[in-house]
Amino acid sequence: MTDTNYRELVELYSALESRGFVVLAFPCNQFGAQEPGSAAEIAKFVAKYDVTFPVFAKVDVNGPNEFPLFKYLKGEKGGMLGRDIKWNFAKFLVGRDGSVLQRYGPQVAPSAIKADILSALDVEPAPAG
């Protein structure tokens, strides 16, 4: 699953970055100790996939030390089996205005949500003012 997610996220980001699409990656070690490394070790690992999108510091996505962004995301779009994230590579599609458009489980390949991403990108941004 890791290989598929990274490869497909890189492909989507490369293809759609010029249209305003951004992938934001937040490593988390709360699921089977899959991200035990330091920030430098994680950066080295993702480099083998040619990741150029932002990879942030490791965070908790559930529990008492939950990163505030994930509190917001999960509050807007709960999961099928409750609010908590169940495994790495859960994905949230966020609109240009910051609204959470959709939540996808970790088993959903990034390529499977391309149509939703394209639809979100085609929405005109709200006028400033």
N, C-alpha and C. Protein backbone atom coordinates (compact mmCIF):
# COMPACT_ATOMS: atom_id res chain seq x y z
N MET A 1 0.83 -1.19 0.00
CA MET A 1 0.00 0.00 0.00
C MET A 1 0.87 1.25 0.00
N THR A 2 1.99 1.24 0.73
CA THR A 2 2.86 2.41 0.79
C THR A 2 3.36 2.79 -0.60
N ASP A 3 3.87 1.80 -1.35
CA ASP A 3 4.39 2.08 -2.68
C ASP A 3 3.33 2.71 -3.58
N THR A 4 2.16 2.09 -3.62
CA THR A 4 1.08 2.60 -4.47
C THR A 4 0.69 4.02 -4.08
N ASN A 5 0.53 4.27 -2.80
CA ASN A 5 0.13 5.60 -2.38
C ASN A 5 1.17 6.65 -2.76
N TYR A 6 2.42 6.42 -2.45
CA TYR A 6 3.45 7.40 -2.78
C TYR A 6 3.56 7.60 -4.29
N ARG A 7 3.61 6.51 -5.05
CA ARG A 7 3.73 6.63 -6.50
C ARG A 7 2.57 7.43 -7.09
N GLU A 8 1.35 7.09 -6.67
CA GLU A 8 0.18 7.75 -7.24
C GLU A 8 0.03 9.19 -6.75
N LEU A 9 0.41 9.45 -5.51
CA LEU A 9 0.37 10.84 -5.03
C LEU A 9 1.36 11.70 -5.79
N VAL A 10 2.55 11.17 -6.06
CA VAL A 10 3.55 11.91 -6.84
C VAL A 10 3.01 12.18 -8.24
N GLU A 11 2.40 11.17 -8.86
CA GLU A 11 1.84 11.34 -10.21
C GLU A 11 0.76 12.42 -10.23
N LEU A 12 -0.17 12.36 -9.27
CA LEU A 12 -1.23 13.37 -9.21
C LEU A 12 -0.67 14.76 -8.98
N TYR A 13 0.24 14.87 -8.04
CA TYR A 13 0.83 16.17 -7.74
C TYR A 13 1.55 16.73 -8.95
N SER A 14 2.35 15.91 -9.62
CA SER A 14 3.08 16.36 -10.80
C SER A 14 2.14 16.82 -11.90
N ALA A 15 1.06 16.08 -12.10
CA ALA A 15 0.13 16.40 -13.18
C ALA A 15 -0.75 17.61 -12.88
N LEU A 16 -1.06 17.84 -11.61
CA LEU A 16 -2.08 18.85 -11.28
C LEU A 16 -1.58 20.04 -10.48
N GLU A 17 -0.31 20.05 -10.13
CA GLU A 17 0.24 21.16 -9.33
C GLU A 17 0.02 22.50 -10.02
N SER A 18 0.17 22.55 -11.32
CA SER A 18 0.03 23.81 -12.05
C SER A 18 -1.41 24.34 -12.00
N ARG A 19 -2.35 23.49 -11.64
CA ARG A 19 -3.76 23.90 -11.54
C ARG A 19 -4.15 24.27 -10.10
N GLY A 20 -3.17 24.21 -9.19
CA GLY A 20 -3.43 24.60 -7.81
C GLY A 20 -3.58 23.44 -6.86
N PHE A 21 -3.37 22.22 -7.32
CA PHE A 21 -3.49 21.04 -6.45
C PHE A 21 -2.22 20.88 -5.63
N VAL A 22 -2.38 20.62 -4.34
CA VAL A 22 -1.25 20.42 -3.44
C VAL A 22 -1.51 19.17 -2.60
N VAL A 23 -0.50 18.36 -2.45
CA VAL A 23 -0.53 17.23 -1.52
C VAL A 23 0.23 17.67 -0.28
N LEU A 24 -0.37 17.49 0.87
CA LEU A 24 0.29 17.77 2.14
C LEU A 24 0.37 16.45 2.90
N ALA A 25 1.58 16.00 3.18
CA ALA A 25 1.77 14.72 3.84
C ALA A 25 2.19 14.94 5.29
N PHE A 26 1.53 14.22 6.19
CA PHE A 26 1.82 14.29 7.62
C PHE A 26 2.11 12.88 8.12
N PRO A 27 3.38 12.51 8.25
CA PRO A 27 3.70 11.18 8.77
C PRO A 27 3.14 11.00 10.18
N CYS A 28 2.77 9.77 10.48
CA CYS A 28 2.19 9.44 11.79
C CYS A 28 2.68 8.05 12.19
N ASN A 29 3.06 7.91 13.44
CA ASN A 29 3.57 6.63 13.93
C ASN A 29 2.56 5.92 14.83
N GLN A 30 1.29 6.26 14.71
CA GLN A 30 0.27 5.67 15.58
C GLN A 30 -0.30 4.36 15.04
N PHE A 31 0.17 3.89 13.90
CA PHE A 31 -0.41 2.71 13.28
C PHE A 31 0.66 1.67 13.01
N GLY A 32 0.81 0.73 13.90
CA GLY A 32 1.76 -0.35 13.70
C GLY A 32 3.21 0.12 13.62
N ALA A 33 3.50 1.25 14.21
CA ALA A 33 4.86 1.81 14.22
C ALA A 33 5.46 1.88 12.82
N GLN A 34 4.65 2.31 11.84
CA GLN A 34 5.11 2.39 10.46
C GLN A 34 6.01 3.59 10.18
N GLU A 35 6.01 4.58 11.04
CA GLU A 35 6.84 5.79 10.84
C GLU A 35 7.71 6.04 12.07
N PRO A 36 8.59 5.10 12.43
CA PRO A 36 9.37 5.27 13.65
C PRO A 36 10.55 6.24 13.50
N GLY A 37 10.91 6.57 12.28
CA GLY A 37 12.13 7.33 12.03
C GLY A 37 12.03 8.81 12.36
N SER A 38 13.19 9.44 12.32
CA SER A 38 13.29 10.88 12.50
C SER A 38 12.81 11.57 11.22
N ALA A 39 12.69 12.89 11.29
CA ALA A 39 12.30 13.65 10.10
C ALA A 39 13.28 13.42 8.96
N ALA A 40 14.57 13.35 9.26
CA ALA A 40 15.58 13.11 8.23
C ALA A 40 15.44 11.72 7.61
N GLU A 41 15.14 10.73 8.44
CA GLU A 41 14.96 9.36 7.94
C GLU A 41 13.70 9.26 7.07
N ILE A 42 12.65 9.94 7.47
CA ILE A 42 11.42 9.94 6.67
C ILE A 42 11.68 10.63 5.33
N ALA A 43 12.38 11.76 5.35
CA ALA A 43 12.71 12.47 4.11
C ALA A 43 13.52 11.59 3.17
N LYS A 44 14.46 10.85 3.72
CA LYS A 44 15.28 9.93 2.90
C LYS A 44 14.41 8.83 2.31
N PHE A 45 13.47 8.31 3.10
CA PHE A 45 12.58 7.25 2.63
C PHE A 45 11.69 7.74 1.48
N VAL A 46 11.06 8.90 1.64
CA VAL A 46 10.14 9.37 0.59
C VAL A 46 10.89 9.84 -0.65
N ALA A 47 12.16 10.17 -0.51
CA ALA A 47 12.95 10.61 -1.66
C ALA A 47 13.04 9.52 -2.73
N LYS A 48 12.98 8.26 -2.32
CA LYS A 48 13.07 7.18 -3.32
C LYS A 48 11.83 7.14 -4.22
N TYR A 49 10.77 7.85 -3.83
CA TYR A 49 9.57 7.96 -4.66
C TYR A 49 9.54 9.29 -5.42
N ASP A 50 10.61 10.07 -5.33
CA ASP A 50 10.70 11.39 -5.97
C ASP A 50 9.62 12.34 -5.47
N VAL A 51 9.34 12.27 -4.19
CA VAL A 51 8.35 13.15 -3.57
C VAL A 51 8.86 14.59 -3.60
N THR A 52 8.05 15.47 -4.16
CA THR A 52 8.37 16.90 -4.16
C THR A 52 7.31 17.71 -3.43
N PHE A 53 6.21 17.07 -3.05
CA PHE A 53 5.19 17.79 -2.28
C PHE A 53 5.65 17.90 -0.82
N PRO A 54 5.06 18.83 -0.06
CA PRO A 54 5.49 19.02 1.33
C PRO A 54 5.23 17.80 2.21
N VAL A 55 6.24 17.39 2.94
CA VAL A 55 6.13 16.34 3.95
C VAL A 55 6.48 17.01 5.28
N PHE A 56 5.50 17.10 6.14
CA PHE A 56 5.64 17.83 7.39
C PHE A 56 6.21 16.94 8.49
N ALA A 57 6.40 17.53 9.65
CA ALA A 57 6.88 16.78 10.81
C ALA A 57 5.84 15.74 11.21
N LYS A 58 6.31 14.70 11.85
CA LYS A 58 5.44 13.63 12.32
C LYS A 58 4.44 14.18 13.34
N VAL A 59 3.18 13.76 13.23
CA VAL A 59 2.12 14.22 14.12
C VAL A 59 1.29 13.03 14.61
N ASP A 60 0.51 13.27 15.65
CA ASP A 60 -0.54 12.33 16.06
C ASP A 60 -1.83 12.77 15.39
N VAL A 61 -2.57 11.82 14.84
CA VAL A 61 -3.83 12.15 14.18
C VAL A 61 -5.04 11.75 15.03
N ASN A 62 -4.80 11.05 16.11
CA ASN A 62 -5.85 10.62 17.04
C ASN A 62 -5.35 10.83 18.46
N GLY A 63 -6.27 10.87 19.40
CA GLY A 63 -5.90 10.86 20.80
C GLY A 63 -5.62 12.23 21.41
N PRO A 64 -5.08 12.23 22.62
CA PRO A 64 -4.92 13.47 23.38
C PRO A 64 -3.92 14.45 22.77
N ASN A 65 -2.99 13.97 21.96
CA ASN A 65 -2.01 14.85 21.32
C ASN A 65 -2.32 15.09 19.84
N GLU A 66 -3.59 14.91 19.48
CA GLU A 66 -4.03 15.06 18.10
C GLU A 66 -3.66 16.45 17.56
N PHE A 67 -3.04 16.46 16.39
CA PHE A 67 -2.67 17.70 15.72
C PHE A 67 -3.95 18.46 15.36
N PRO A 68 -4.02 19.75 15.61
CA PRO A 68 -5.27 20.52 15.40
C PRO A 68 -5.85 20.39 13.99
N LEU A 69 -5.02 20.30 12.98
CA LEU A 69 -5.55 20.15 11.62
C LEU A 69 -6.41 18.90 11.52
N PHE A 70 -5.98 17.81 12.15
CA PHE A 70 -6.74 16.56 12.04
C PHE A 70 -8.01 16.61 12.88
N LYS A 71 -7.99 17.36 13.95
CA LYS A 71 -9.23 17.57 14.71
C LYS A 71 -10.27 18.23 13.81
N TYR A 72 -9.83 19.26 13.06
CA TYR A 72 -10.73 19.96 12.14
C TYR A 72 -11.20 19.02 11.02
N LEU A 73 -10.26 18.36 10.36
CA LEU A 73 -10.61 17.49 9.23
C LEU A 73 -11.61 16.42 9.64
N LYS A 74 -11.33 15.76 10.76
CA LYS A 74 -12.21 14.67 11.22
C LYS A 74 -13.54 15.20 11.73
N GLY A 75 -13.54 16.41 12.27
CA GLY A 75 -14.78 17.02 12.70
C GLY A 75 -15.70 17.33 11.54
N GLU A 76 -15.10 17.67 10.41
CA GLU A 76 -15.88 17.98 9.21
C GLU A 76 -16.36 16.73 8.47
N LYS A 77 -15.51 15.72 8.44
CA LYS A 77 -15.84 14.46 7.74
C LYS A 77 -15.43 13.28 8.59
N GLY A 78 -16.38 12.73 9.33
CA GLY A 78 -16.11 11.53 10.13
C GLY A 78 -15.95 10.33 9.23
N GLY A 79 -15.37 9.28 9.75
CA GLY A 79 -15.16 8.07 8.97
C GLY A 79 -16.34 7.12 9.07
N MET A 80 -16.27 6.04 8.30
CA MET A 80 -17.35 5.05 8.30
C MET A 80 -17.47 4.36 9.66
N LEU A 81 -16.34 4.17 10.32
CA LEU A 81 -16.35 3.46 11.59
C LEU A 81 -16.07 4.40 12.76
N GLY A 82 -16.51 5.63 12.63
CA GLY A 82 -16.26 6.62 13.67
C GLY A 82 -15.31 7.69 13.20
N ARG A 83 -15.07 8.63 14.05
CA ARG A 83 -14.30 9.82 13.72
C ARG A 83 -12.80 9.55 13.54
N ASP A 84 -12.22 8.65 14.32
CA ASP A 84 -10.78 8.44 14.30
C ASP A 84 -10.27 7.91 12.97
N ILE A 85 -9.04 8.25 12.68
CA ILE A 85 -8.35 7.71 11.51
C ILE A 85 -7.88 6.31 11.90
N LYS A 86 -8.09 5.35 11.02
CA LYS A 86 -7.82 3.95 11.35
C LYS A 86 -6.44 3.46 10.90
N TRP A 87 -5.82 4.13 9.91
CA TRP A 87 -4.53 3.67 9.40
C TRP A 87 -3.89 4.77 8.58
N ASN A 88 -2.57 4.66 8.36
CA ASN A 88 -1.86 5.62 7.52
C ASN A 88 -2.47 5.68 6.12
N PHE A 89 -2.29 6.79 5.48
CA PHE A 89 -2.76 7.07 4.13
C PHE A 89 -4.26 7.31 4.05
N ALA A 90 -4.89 7.66 5.17
CA ALA A 90 -6.23 8.24 5.09
C ALA A 90 -6.05 9.55 4.35
N LYS A 91 -7.01 9.92 3.52
CA LYS A 91 -6.87 11.11 2.69
C LYS A 91 -8.09 12.01 2.85
N PHE A 92 -7.85 13.31 2.85
CA PHE A 92 -8.91 14.31 2.89
C PHE A 92 -8.75 15.21 1.68
N LEU A 93 -9.84 15.46 0.98
CA LEU A 93 -9.84 16.40 -0.13
C LEU A 93 -10.42 17.71 0.39
N VAL A 94 -9.61 18.75 0.34
CA VAL A 94 -10.00 20.05 0.88
C VAL A 94 -10.11 21.03 -0.27
N GLY A 95 -11.20 21.79 -0.29
CA GLY A 95 -11.42 22.76 -1.35
C GLY A 95 -10.55 23.99 -1.20
N ARG A 96 -10.59 24.81 -2.22
CA ARG A 96 -9.80 26.05 -2.23
C ARG A 96 -10.16 26.95 -1.06
N ASP A 97 -11.40 26.85 -0.59
CA ASP A 97 -11.87 27.71 0.51
C ASP A 97 -11.62 27.09 1.89
N GLY A 98 -10.97 25.93 1.92
CA GLY A 98 -10.67 25.27 3.19
C GLY A 98 -11.74 24.30 3.66
N SER A 99 -12.82 24.20 2.92
CA SER A 99 -13.88 23.25 3.31
C SER A 99 -13.43 21.83 2.98
N VAL A 100 -13.81 20.90 3.85
CA VAL A 100 -13.45 19.50 3.65
C VAL A 100 -14.51 18.89 2.74
N LEU A 101 -14.10 18.54 1.54
CA LEU A 101 -15.03 18.04 0.54
C LEU A 101 -15.30 16.54 0.67
N GLN A 102 -14.25 15.79 1.03
CA GLN A 102 -14.40 14.33 1.07
C GLN A 102 -13.29 13.73 1.93
N ARG A 103 -13.60 12.56 2.48
CA ARG A 103 -12.63 11.77 3.23
C ARG A 103 -12.57 10.40 2.58
N TYR A 104 -11.35 9.87 2.45
CA TYR A 104 -11.14 8.56 1.84
C TYR A 104 -10.33 7.69 2.78
N GLY A 105 -10.69 6.46 2.87
CA GLY A 105 -9.96 5.52 3.71
C GLY A 105 -8.60 5.19 3.12
N PRO A 106 -7.73 4.61 3.91
CA PRO A 106 -6.38 4.30 3.45
C PRO A 106 -6.33 3.29 2.30
N GLN A 107 -7.36 2.47 2.16
CA GLN A 107 -7.38 1.47 1.10
C GLN A 107 -7.72 2.08 -0.26
N VAL A 108 -8.19 3.33 -0.28
CA VAL A 108 -8.54 3.99 -1.54
C VAL A 108 -7.26 4.56 -2.17
N ALA A 109 -6.96 4.08 -3.35
CA ALA A 109 -5.75 4.54 -4.05
C ALA A 109 -5.94 6.00 -4.49
N PRO A 110 -4.89 6.79 -4.45
CA PRO A 110 -5.01 8.18 -4.91
C PRO A 110 -5.58 8.30 -6.33
N SER A 111 -5.21 7.39 -7.22
CA SER A 111 -5.73 7.46 -8.59
C SER A 111 -7.25 7.34 -8.63
N ALA A 112 -7.83 6.68 -7.64
CA ALA A 112 -9.28 6.49 -7.60
C ALA A 112 -10.03 7.77 -7.26
N ILE A 113 -9.33 8.78 -6.76
CA ILE A 113 -10.01 10.02 -6.39
C ILE A 113 -9.68 11.16 -7.36
N LYS A 114 -9.03 10.83 -8.45
CA LYS A 114 -8.62 11.86 -9.42
C LYS A 114 -9.82 12.65 -9.94
N ALA A 115 -10.92 11.99 -10.23
CA ALA A 115 -12.10 12.71 -10.74
C ALA A 115 -12.62 13.71 -9.71
N ASP A 116 -12.60 13.34 -8.44
CA ASP A 116 -13.03 14.27 -7.39
C ASP A 116 -12.08 15.46 -7.30
N ILE A 117 -10.79 15.20 -7.44
CA ILE A 117 -9.80 16.27 -7.40
C ILE A 117 -10.02 17.22 -8.57
N LEU A 118 -10.20 16.67 -9.76
CA LEU A 118 -10.43 17.51 -10.93
C LEU A 118 -11.69 18.34 -10.78
N SER A 119 -12.72 17.75 -10.23
CA SER A 119 -13.96 18.49 -10.00
C SER A 119 -13.73 19.65 -9.03
N ALA A 120 -12.98 19.40 -7.97
CA ALA A 120 -12.69 20.44 -6.99
C ALA A 120 -11.84 21.56 -7.60
N LEU A 121 -10.91 21.19 -8.46
CA LEU A 121 -10.05 22.19 -9.09
C LEU A 121 -10.81 23.06 -10.09
N ASP A 122 -11.86 22.51 -10.67
CA ASP A 122 -12.63 23.25 -11.67
C ASP A 122 -13.57 24.27 -11.05
N VAL A 123 -13.73 24.24 -9.74
CA VAL A 123 -14.59 25.20 -9.06
C VAL A 123 -13.85 26.51 -9.00
N GLU A 124 -14.51 27.57 -9.44
CA GLU A 124 -13.90 28.91 -9.42
C GLU A 124 -13.70 29.34 -7.97
N PRO A 125 -12.54 29.92 -7.66
CA PRO A 125 -12.36 30.44 -6.30
C PRO A 125 -13.30 31.60 -6.06
N ALA A 126 -13.71 31.74 -4.81
CA ALA A 126 -14.61 32.84 -4.44
C ALA A 126 -13.89 34.17 -4.62
N PRO A 127 -14.60 35.21 -5.09
CA PRO A 127 -13.95 36.51 -5.26
C PRO A 127 -13.50 37.07 -3.91
N ALA A 128 -12.36 37.73 -3.91
CA ALA A 128 -11.85 38.35 -2.69
C ALA A 128 -12.70 39.57 -2.35
N GLY A 129 -12.78 39.83 -1.09
CA GLY A 129 -13.49 41.05 -0.75
C GLY A 129 -14.33 40.89 0.40
